[in-house]
N, C-alpha and C. Protein backbone atom coordinates (compact mmCIF):
# COMPACT_ATOMS: atom_id res chain seq x y z
N MET A 1 0.74 -1.09 0.44
CA MET A 1 -0.20 -0.33 -0.38
C MET A 1 0.95 1.03 -0.07
N TYR A 2 1.78 1.23 0.65
CA TYR A 2 2.45 1.97 0.66
C TYR A 2 3.02 2.64 -0.82
N ASP A 3 3.88 1.64 -1.56
CA ASP A 3 4.17 2.32 -2.87
C ASP A 3 3.21 2.36 -3.83
N TYR A 4 1.94 2.51 -3.71
CA TYR A 4 0.90 2.63 -4.30
C TYR A 4 0.42 4.33 -3.73
N VAL A 5 0.63 4.25 -2.52
CA VAL A 5 -0.02 5.94 -2.74
C VAL A 5 0.93 6.37 -3.14
N VAL A 6 2.55 6.29 -2.45
CA VAL A 6 3.79 7.05 -2.91
C VAL A 6 4.11 7.37 -4.20
N LYS A 7 4.51 6.23 -4.84
CA LYS A 7 4.70 6.74 -6.32
C LYS A 7 3.85 6.25 -7.19
N GLU A 8 2.95 4.76 -7.25
CA GLU A 8 2.30 4.68 -8.29
C GLU A 8 0.65 5.74 -8.40
N LEU A 9 0.34 5.56 -7.33
CA LEU A 9 -1.29 7.09 -7.65
C LEU A 9 -0.12 8.44 -7.82
N PRO A 10 0.19 8.57 -7.42
CA PRO A 10 0.79 9.77 -8.15
C PRO A 10 1.60 9.94 -9.10
N LYS A 11 2.04 8.77 -9.87
CA LYS A 11 2.47 8.59 -11.22
C LYS A 11 1.54 8.62 -12.20
N LEU A 12 0.59 7.88 -11.48
CA LEU A 12 -0.69 7.77 -12.85
C LEU A 12 -1.72 8.99 -12.76
N LEU A 13 -1.90 9.63 -11.73
CA LEU A 13 -2.59 10.93 -11.53
C LEU A 13 -1.85 12.00 -12.63
N SER A 14 -0.40 11.64 -12.64
CA SER A 14 -0.26 12.89 -13.31
C SER A 14 0.45 12.30 -15.33
N GLU A 15 0.06 11.45 -15.14
CA GLU A 15 -0.14 10.66 -16.67
C GLU A 15 -1.30 10.61 -17.43
N ASN A 16 -2.78 10.83 -16.55
CA ASN A 16 -3.88 10.66 -16.69
C ASN A 16 -4.53 12.21 -16.76
N PHE A 17 -3.82 12.74 -16.07
CA PHE A 17 -4.24 14.28 -15.64
C PHE A 17 -2.97 14.96 -15.24
N PRO A 18 -3.05 15.72 -16.85
CA PRO A 18 -1.33 16.50 -16.78
C PRO A 18 -1.95 17.63 -15.73
N GLN A 19 -3.18 18.36 -16.08
CA GLN A 19 -3.32 19.51 -15.64
C GLN A 19 -3.24 19.54 -14.05
N LEU A 20 -2.92 18.26 -13.35
CA LEU A 20 -2.77 18.45 -11.74
C LEU A 20 -1.21 18.46 -11.32
N ASP A 21 -0.96 19.23 -10.43
CA ASP A 21 0.48 19.66 -10.23
C ASP A 21 0.82 18.91 -8.98
N THR A 22 1.02 17.42 -9.38
CA THR A 22 0.77 15.96 -7.94
C THR A 22 2.42 16.79 -7.11
N SER A 23 3.01 18.06 -7.15
CA SER A 23 3.96 18.59 -6.39
C SER A 23 3.39 19.25 -5.30
N LYS A 24 2.05 18.82 -5.83
CA LYS A 24 1.07 19.95 -4.25
C LYS A 24 0.37 18.68 -3.86
N ALA A 25 0.45 17.96 -2.66
CA ALA A 25 -0.25 17.01 -2.38
C ALA A 25 -0.24 16.61 -0.95
N SER A 26 -1.37 16.68 -0.09
CA SER A 26 -1.74 16.10 0.87
C SER A 26 -1.66 14.83 1.50
N ILE A 27 -2.56 14.64 2.49
CA ILE A 27 -2.45 13.18 2.91
C ILE A 27 -3.33 13.33 3.82
N SER A 28 -4.64 12.61 4.29
CA SER A 28 -5.26 12.46 5.05
C SER A 28 -5.83 10.92 5.07
N GLY A 29 -5.93 10.51 6.13
CA GLY A 29 -7.15 8.86 6.55
C GLY A 29 -7.84 8.86 7.60
N HIS A 30 -8.29 7.68 8.09
CA HIS A 30 -9.25 7.68 9.28
C HIS A 30 -8.53 6.17 9.75
N SER A 31 -8.80 6.30 11.39
CA SER A 31 -8.43 5.18 11.56
C SER A 31 -6.68 4.24 11.45
N MET A 32 -6.90 3.14 10.76
CA MET A 32 -6.04 2.89 10.37
C MET A 32 -5.24 3.37 9.22
N GLY A 33 -5.95 4.15 8.06
CA GLY A 33 -5.91 5.12 7.63
C GLY A 33 -5.06 6.25 7.71
N GLY A 34 -5.79 6.73 9.07
CA GLY A 34 -5.14 7.51 9.70
C GLY A 34 -3.75 7.49 10.42
N HIS A 35 -3.31 6.39 10.48
CA HIS A 35 -1.95 5.57 11.03
C HIS A 35 -1.05 6.18 9.46
N GLY A 36 -1.46 5.29 8.53
CA GLY A 36 -1.00 5.38 7.29
C GLY A 36 -0.19 6.38 6.86
N ALA A 37 -1.80 7.45 7.02
CA ALA A 37 -1.30 8.76 6.65
C ALA A 37 -0.15 9.57 7.39
N LEU A 38 -0.14 9.40 8.24
CA LEU A 38 1.02 10.15 9.61
C LEU A 38 2.13 9.57 9.44
N THR A 39 2.53 8.15 8.55
CA THR A 39 3.56 7.45 8.72
C THR A 39 4.31 7.70 7.49
N ILE A 40 3.03 7.95 6.44
CA ILE A 40 3.41 7.95 5.24
C ILE A 40 4.14 9.95 5.48
N TYR A 41 3.37 10.70 5.60
CA TYR A 41 3.38 12.09 5.56
C TYR A 41 4.64 12.39 6.44
N LEU A 42 5.14 11.68 7.45
CA LEU A 42 6.28 11.88 7.86
C LEU A 42 7.76 11.11 7.33
N LYS A 43 7.26 10.05 6.82
CA LYS A 43 8.67 9.43 5.64
C LYS A 43 8.96 10.10 4.24
N ASN A 44 8.02 11.64 4.59
CA ASN A 44 8.08 11.57 3.09
C ASN A 44 7.50 13.31 3.06
N LEU A 45 8.57 13.96 3.28
CA LEU A 45 8.03 15.54 4.17
C LEU A 45 8.43 16.45 3.00
N ASP A 46 9.10 15.92 1.98
CA ASP A 46 9.36 15.97 0.35
C ASP A 46 8.09 16.44 -0.46
N LYS A 47 7.55 15.30 -0.30
CA LYS A 47 5.92 15.11 -1.52
C LYS A 47 4.87 15.21 -0.88
N TYR A 48 4.57 15.89 0.69
CA TYR A 48 3.48 15.92 1.03
C TYR A 48 3.06 17.24 2.12
N LYS A 49 2.49 18.59 1.48
CA LYS A 49 2.55 19.68 2.08
C LYS A 49 1.48 19.32 3.59
N SER A 50 0.90 18.28 4.04
CA SER A 50 0.03 18.29 4.85
C SER A 50 -0.39 17.54 5.40
N ALA A 51 -0.83 16.87 6.59
CA ALA A 51 -1.45 15.91 6.69
C ALA A 51 -2.64 15.56 8.01
N SER A 52 -3.60 14.75 7.75
CA SER A 52 -4.66 15.02 8.66
C SER A 52 -5.10 13.71 8.93
N ALA A 53 -5.61 13.53 10.26
CA ALA A 53 -6.15 12.11 10.69
C ALA A 53 -7.51 12.41 11.41
N PHE A 54 -8.64 11.52 10.93
CA PHE A 54 -9.25 11.18 12.36
C PHE A 54 -9.12 9.90 12.77
N ALA A 55 -9.42 10.57 14.46
CA ALA A 55 -9.38 8.43 14.82
C ALA A 55 -8.09 7.64 14.52
N PRO A 56 -6.99 8.13 14.05
CA PRO A 56 -6.03 7.19 13.55
C PRO A 56 -5.57 6.29 15.36
N ILE A 57 -4.93 4.90 14.74
CA ILE A 57 -3.92 4.39 15.43
C ILE A 57 -3.02 5.13 15.40
N ALA A 58 -2.47 5.74 16.47
CA ALA A 58 -1.19 6.63 16.80
C ALA A 58 0.00 6.14 17.03
N ASN A 59 -0.19 4.80 17.86
CA ASN A 59 0.94 4.40 18.49
C ASN A 59 0.86 2.82 18.58
N PRO A 60 0.78 2.03 17.46
CA PRO A 60 0.35 1.03 17.21
C PRO A 60 1.40 -0.11 17.63
N ILE A 61 2.54 0.65 18.43
CA ILE A 61 3.52 -0.79 19.21
C ILE A 61 3.16 -1.13 20.64
N ASN A 62 1.99 -0.05 20.90
CA ASN A 62 1.62 -0.09 22.49
C ASN A 62 0.29 -0.36 22.32
N CYS A 63 -0.73 -1.00 21.23
CA CYS A 63 -1.87 -1.07 21.44
C CYS A 63 -2.21 -2.30 21.13
N PRO A 64 -3.15 -3.46 21.38
CA PRO A 64 -3.44 -5.01 20.81
C PRO A 64 -3.22 -4.88 19.32
N TRP A 65 -4.17 -3.82 18.74
CA TRP A 65 -4.25 -3.60 17.47
C TRP A 65 -3.09 -3.85 16.88
N GLY A 66 -2.24 -2.95 16.79
CA GLY A 66 -1.10 -2.91 15.99
C GLY A 66 0.13 -3.62 16.68
N GLN A 67 0.07 -4.32 18.25
CA GLN A 67 1.17 -5.45 18.14
C GLN A 67 1.03 -7.00 17.60
N LYS A 68 -0.75 -7.08 17.65
CA LYS A 68 -0.90 -8.28 16.77
C LYS A 68 -0.60 -8.13 14.70
N ALA A 69 -0.80 -7.02 14.36
CA ALA A 69 -0.39 -6.80 13.31
C ALA A 69 0.72 -6.58 12.95
N PHE A 70 1.86 -5.74 13.35
CA PHE A 70 3.46 -6.21 13.54
C PHE A 70 4.19 -7.24 13.89
N THR A 71 3.26 -7.88 14.57
CA THR A 71 3.99 -9.82 14.91
C THR A 71 4.05 -10.27 13.56
N ASN A 72 2.12 -10.03 12.69
CA ASN A 72 2.03 -10.56 12.14
C ASN A 72 2.67 -10.37 10.27
N TYR A 73 2.97 -9.68 10.30
CA TYR A 73 3.41 -8.61 8.89
C TYR A 73 5.10 -8.56 9.48
N LEU A 74 5.83 -8.13 10.64
CA LEU A 74 7.04 -7.82 10.66
C LEU A 74 7.90 -8.87 11.62
N GLY A 75 7.42 -9.83 12.63
CA GLY A 75 7.42 -10.53 12.98
C GLY A 75 7.77 -9.93 14.70
N ASN A 76 8.62 -10.73 15.26
CA ASN A 76 8.96 -9.93 16.59
C ASN A 76 9.91 -9.10 16.96
N ASP A 77 10.81 -8.73 16.15
CA ASP A 77 11.49 -7.59 16.18
C ASP A 77 11.13 -6.41 16.76
N LYS A 78 10.88 -5.61 17.49
CA LYS A 78 10.13 -4.65 18.19
C LYS A 78 10.97 -3.32 17.58
N ALA A 79 12.32 -3.36 17.70
CA ALA A 79 12.69 -2.32 16.53
C ALA A 79 12.13 -2.50 15.40
N ALA A 80 11.79 -2.73 14.45
CA ALA A 80 11.60 -2.97 13.48
C ALA A 80 10.36 -2.14 13.82
N TRP A 81 8.95 -2.43 14.16
CA TRP A 81 7.99 -1.89 14.55
C TRP A 81 8.17 -0.34 14.35
N GLU A 82 9.15 0.40 14.94
CA GLU A 82 9.11 1.70 14.83
C GLU A 82 9.16 2.79 13.78
N GLU A 83 9.36 1.83 12.71
CA GLU A 83 9.50 2.77 11.70
C GLU A 83 7.94 2.37 11.01
N TYR A 84 7.46 1.98 11.92
CA TYR A 84 5.70 2.15 11.58
C TYR A 84 4.89 2.95 12.06
N ASP A 85 5.57 3.49 12.82
CA ASP A 85 4.72 3.87 14.08
C ASP A 85 4.92 5.34 14.31
N ALA A 86 3.68 6.04 13.92
CA ALA A 86 3.63 7.51 14.17
C ALA A 86 4.42 8.34 14.92
N THR A 87 4.15 7.54 16.52
CA THR A 87 4.67 8.18 17.44
C THR A 87 5.66 7.97 17.71
N CYS A 88 6.51 6.77 17.25
CA CYS A 88 8.26 6.83 17.07
C CYS A 88 8.60 7.56 15.59
N LEU A 89 8.11 7.53 14.97
CA LEU A 89 8.67 8.39 13.83
C LEU A 89 8.66 9.65 14.10
N ILE A 90 7.63 10.49 14.91
CA ILE A 90 8.21 11.97 15.01
C ILE A 90 9.54 12.45 15.93
N LYS A 91 9.99 11.68 16.04
CA LYS A 91 11.12 11.66 17.03
C LYS A 91 12.42 11.63 15.85
N LYS A 92 12.10 11.15 15.09
CA LYS A 92 13.22 10.65 13.91
C LYS A 92 12.88 11.89 12.53
N PHE A 93 11.57 12.20 12.63
CA PHE A 93 11.41 13.01 11.46
C PHE A 93 10.57 13.53 11.82
N HIS A 94 11.38 14.86 12.28
CA HIS A 94 10.41 16.06 12.90
C HIS A 94 10.59 17.35 12.64
N ASN A 95 11.12 17.32 11.22
CA ASN A 95 11.44 18.45 10.91
C ASN A 95 10.33 19.43 10.13
N VAL A 96 8.96 19.63 10.42
CA VAL A 96 7.32 20.04 10.50
C VAL A 96 7.44 20.94 9.89
N SER A 97 7.15 21.24 9.34
CA SER A 97 6.72 23.02 9.40
C SER A 97 4.99 23.12 9.15
N ALA A 98 4.39 22.68 8.40
CA ALA A 98 2.71 22.50 8.50
C ALA A 98 2.09 22.07 10.10
N THR A 99 0.79 22.38 10.86
CA THR A 99 0.54 21.73 11.28
C THR A 99 -0.42 20.28 11.03
N ILE A 100 -0.10 19.68 11.75
CA ILE A 100 -0.73 18.31 11.64
C ILE A 100 -2.15 18.48 12.13
N LEU A 101 -3.11 18.21 11.93
CA LEU A 101 -4.42 18.18 12.31
C LEU A 101 -5.22 16.23 12.66
N ILE A 102 -6.02 16.48 13.71
CA ILE A 102 -6.22 15.14 14.07
C ILE A 102 -7.66 15.72 14.85
N ASP A 103 -8.41 14.96 14.59
CA ASP A 103 -9.67 14.97 15.18
C ASP A 103 -10.14 13.10 15.51
N GLN A 104 -10.25 13.69 17.01
CA GLN A 104 -10.61 12.31 17.51
C GLN A 104 -11.72 12.71 18.55
N GLY A 105 -13.05 11.64 18.62
CA GLY A 105 -14.18 11.38 19.30
C GLY A 105 -14.10 11.30 20.62
N GLU A 106 -14.20 12.09 21.87
CA GLU A 106 -14.15 11.58 23.07
C GLU A 106 -14.76 10.01 23.39
N ASP A 107 -15.81 9.80 22.50
CA ASP A 107 -16.74 9.29 22.99
C ASP A 107 -16.35 7.91 21.82
N ASP A 108 -15.18 7.93 21.55
CA ASP A 108 -14.52 6.73 20.48
C ASP A 108 -14.11 5.32 21.74
N LYS A 109 -14.83 4.28 21.29
CA LYS A 109 -14.20 3.14 22.18
C LYS A 109 -12.99 2.31 22.33
N PHE A 110 -12.22 3.39 21.62
CA PHE A 110 -10.67 2.30 20.69
C PHE A 110 -10.05 3.63 21.46
N LEU A 111 -10.69 4.52 21.87
CA LEU A 111 -9.32 5.79 22.33
C LEU A 111 -8.24 5.77 23.00
N HIS A 112 -9.02 5.03 24.65
CA HIS A 112 -7.66 4.89 25.55
C HIS A 112 -6.87 3.66 25.03
N ASP A 113 -7.68 2.71 24.60
CA ASP A 113 -6.44 1.40 24.80
C ASP A 113 -6.12 0.69 23.06
N GLN A 114 -7.06 1.34 22.10
CA GLN A 114 -6.15 1.49 20.64
C GLN A 114 -5.43 2.93 20.26
N LEU A 115 -6.30 3.70 20.03
CA LEU A 115 -5.55 4.79 19.39
C LEU A 115 -4.52 5.32 19.95
N LEU A 116 -4.75 5.81 20.98
CA LEU A 116 -3.75 6.70 22.09
C LEU A 116 -3.15 7.84 20.95
N ALA A 117 -4.30 8.22 20.98
CA ALA A 117 -4.14 10.22 20.05
C ALA A 117 -2.93 11.01 21.50
N HIS A 118 -2.97 10.33 22.52
CA HIS A 118 -2.15 10.96 23.69
C HIS A 118 -0.60 11.11 23.70
N LYS A 119 -0.13 9.78 23.17
CA LYS A 119 0.63 9.22 22.70
C LYS A 119 1.74 9.77 21.93
N PHE A 120 0.82 10.49 20.70
CA PHE A 120 1.19 10.78 20.00
C PHE A 120 1.32 12.40 19.90
N ASP A 121 0.72 13.07 20.87
CA ASP A 121 0.59 14.64 21.85
C ASP A 121 1.69 15.00 21.92
N GLU A 122 1.56 13.57 23.04
CA GLU A 122 3.24 13.79 23.47
C GLU A 122 4.48 13.81 23.10
N ALA A 123 4.70 12.67 21.93
CA ALA A 123 6.00 12.82 21.21
C ALA A 123 6.09 14.07 20.40
N CYS A 124 4.91 14.91 20.21
CA CYS A 124 5.18 16.22 19.00
C CYS A 124 5.59 17.16 19.30
N ARG A 125 4.64 16.76 21.03
CA ARG A 125 5.23 18.08 21.60
C ARG A 125 6.57 18.24 21.62
N SER A 126 7.54 16.89 22.33
CA SER A 126 8.87 16.52 23.34
C SER A 126 9.75 17.21 21.89
N VAL A 127 8.99 17.28 20.68
CA VAL A 127 10.31 17.71 19.22
C VAL A 127 9.70 19.35 18.77
N ASN A 128 8.81 19.23 19.27
CA ASN A 128 7.82 20.68 18.97
C ASN A 128 7.61 20.85 17.27
N VAL A 129 7.11 19.87 17.51
CA VAL A 129 5.95 19.38 16.26
C VAL A 129 4.83 20.27 16.23
N PRO A 130 4.22 20.72 15.27
CA PRO A 130 2.64 21.49 15.29
C PRO A 130 1.68 20.43 15.32
N LEU A 131 1.34 20.17 16.27
CA LEU A 131 -0.04 19.02 16.45
C LEU A 131 -1.25 20.14 16.73
N LEU A 132 -2.14 20.01 15.79
CA LEU A 132 -3.47 20.32 16.60
C LEU A 132 -4.52 18.98 16.86
N LEU A 133 -4.38 18.76 17.69
CA LEU A 133 -5.29 17.75 18.41
C LEU A 133 -6.65 18.38 18.99
N ARG A 134 -7.28 17.65 18.06
CA ARG A 134 -9.10 18.17 18.65
C ARG A 134 -9.94 16.86 18.66
N LEU A 135 -10.24 16.81 20.60
CA LEU A 135 -10.92 16.16 20.81
C LEU A 135 -12.42 16.49 20.97
N GLN A 136 -13.41 15.91 20.19
CA GLN A 136 -14.91 16.11 19.86
C GLN A 136 -15.91 15.31 20.87
N PRO A 137 -15.87 16.03 21.63
CA PRO A 137 -17.20 15.69 22.45
C PRO A 137 -18.49 15.03 21.96
N GLY A 138 -19.02 14.25 22.33
CA GLY A 138 -19.92 13.49 21.74
C GLY A 138 -20.23 12.43 20.21
N TYR A 139 -18.76 12.36 19.96
CA TYR A 139 -18.55 11.55 18.74
C TYR A 139 -17.60 10.20 19.20
N ASP A 140 -17.79 9.48 18.25
CA ASP A 140 -17.46 8.06 18.02
C ASP A 140 -16.39 8.10 17.19
N HIS A 141 -16.26 6.69 16.48
CA HIS A 141 -15.18 6.02 15.58
C HIS A 141 -15.58 6.36 14.10
N SER A 142 -17.25 6.86 13.92
CA SER A 142 -18.12 6.27 12.75
C SER A 142 -18.19 7.65 11.65
N TYR A 143 -18.82 7.17 10.49
CA TYR A 143 -18.77 8.13 9.57
C TYR A 143 -19.76 9.45 10.20
N PHE A 144 -20.41 9.36 11.10
CA PHE A 144 -20.70 10.67 11.71
C PHE A 144 -19.71 11.74 11.77
N PHE A 145 -19.24 11.18 12.38
CA PHE A 145 -17.54 11.81 13.46
C PHE A 145 -16.89 12.29 12.06
N ILE A 146 -17.01 11.68 10.42
CA ILE A 146 -15.85 12.44 9.88
C ILE A 146 -17.02 13.16 9.12
N SER A 147 -18.18 13.03 8.68
CA SER A 147 -18.90 14.01 7.87
C SER A 147 -18.98 15.32 8.77
N THR A 148 -19.30 15.32 10.02
CA THR A 148 -18.91 16.30 10.15
C THR A 148 -17.96 17.49 10.69
N PHE A 149 -16.77 17.23 10.41
CA PHE A 149 -15.67 17.57 10.76
C PHE A 149 -14.55 17.29 9.31
N ILE A 150 -15.06 16.81 8.21
CA ILE A 150 -13.88 16.79 6.61
C ILE A 150 -13.88 17.93 6.36
N ASP A 151 -14.78 19.36 6.11
CA ASP A 151 -15.06 20.45 6.00
C ASP A 151 -13.67 21.21 6.38
N ASP A 152 -13.13 21.00 7.89
CA ASP A 152 -12.33 21.54 8.33
C ASP A 152 -10.85 20.68 8.16
N HIS A 153 -11.23 19.74 7.47
CA HIS A 153 -9.52 19.07 7.30
C HIS A 153 -9.70 19.22 5.64
N ILE A 154 -10.44 19.50 4.62
CA ILE A 154 -10.27 20.08 3.73
C ILE A 154 -9.67 21.52 3.21
N ARG A 155 -10.01 22.68 4.33
CA ARG A 155 -9.49 23.64 4.48
C ARG A 155 -7.99 23.49 4.75
N HIS A 156 -8.17 23.13 5.67
CA HIS A 156 -6.73 22.69 6.29
C HIS A 156 -5.61 21.82 5.76
N HIS A 157 -6.11 21.40 4.63
CA HIS A 157 -4.97 20.93 3.63
C HIS A 157 -5.06 21.93 2.22
N ALA A 158 -6.26 22.94 1.79
CA ALA A 158 -6.51 23.93 1.39
C ALA A 158 -5.20 25.14 1.43
N GLN A 159 -5.53 25.47 2.46
CA GLN A 159 -4.56 26.33 3.34
C GLN A 159 -2.99 25.90 3.31
N ALA A 160 -2.73 24.53 3.75
CA ALA A 160 -0.83 24.15 3.34
C ALA A 160 -0.97 24.17 1.59
N LEU A 161 -1.26 24.16 1.15
CA LEU A 161 -1.26 24.46 -0.47
C LEU A 161 -1.51 25.38 -0.83
N LYS A 162 -1.85 26.34 -0.58
CA LYS A 162 -2.27 27.69 -0.57
C LYS A 162 -3.04 27.45 -1.71
N LEU A 163 -4.79 26.98 -1.91
CA LEU A 163 -5.42 26.70 -2.93
C LEU A 163 -6.68 27.86 -2.63
C-alpha cells in the first residue's frame, strides 16, 4: 500500500491528468488509514505539504491491534516496528513545518486502549512539532464523526497547499 500511495498513484494521476500539479499533495485518513497518512507524511515531508487524520491508530506498538498486526507482518523484532509507528517516527522525522490536524471523538470506544492519540501528542510536544489535536465531545469512530469535520480537514489542506 505504501508504494501505491507514494509512488504509483501520483504517477498515474500525472499521466492521466496532466493539469494536476502532483507536487502539491496532502494526505489524510481514518483509523488505520489515519495511521498510514501520518507515517507516510512523516517519511515523505518532501512530497506532502500537510497531513490530517480522523481517530488514527497513533501508537500501534503500544496497542493490541498494532501488536497483533506488527507481529504477523514484521515478526517479533520490536525495533523494526518503530519504522511503522507515527509516535516513534515523529521523534526521527520532526522537521515538520505545517501543523498536523487530528480529530478524535471523545466517545470513541477505542480511544484509550487502541488509538492512543495522547501518546502522539506527547511525542509531538517533545520535538516541537505543530499538532492540532481536537477532542470532539459526543463523537465516536463513525461516519457521522468524519462527515461532521471533513470540511475542516479540507480547509486545513487547502491552506497548506495555498489553494
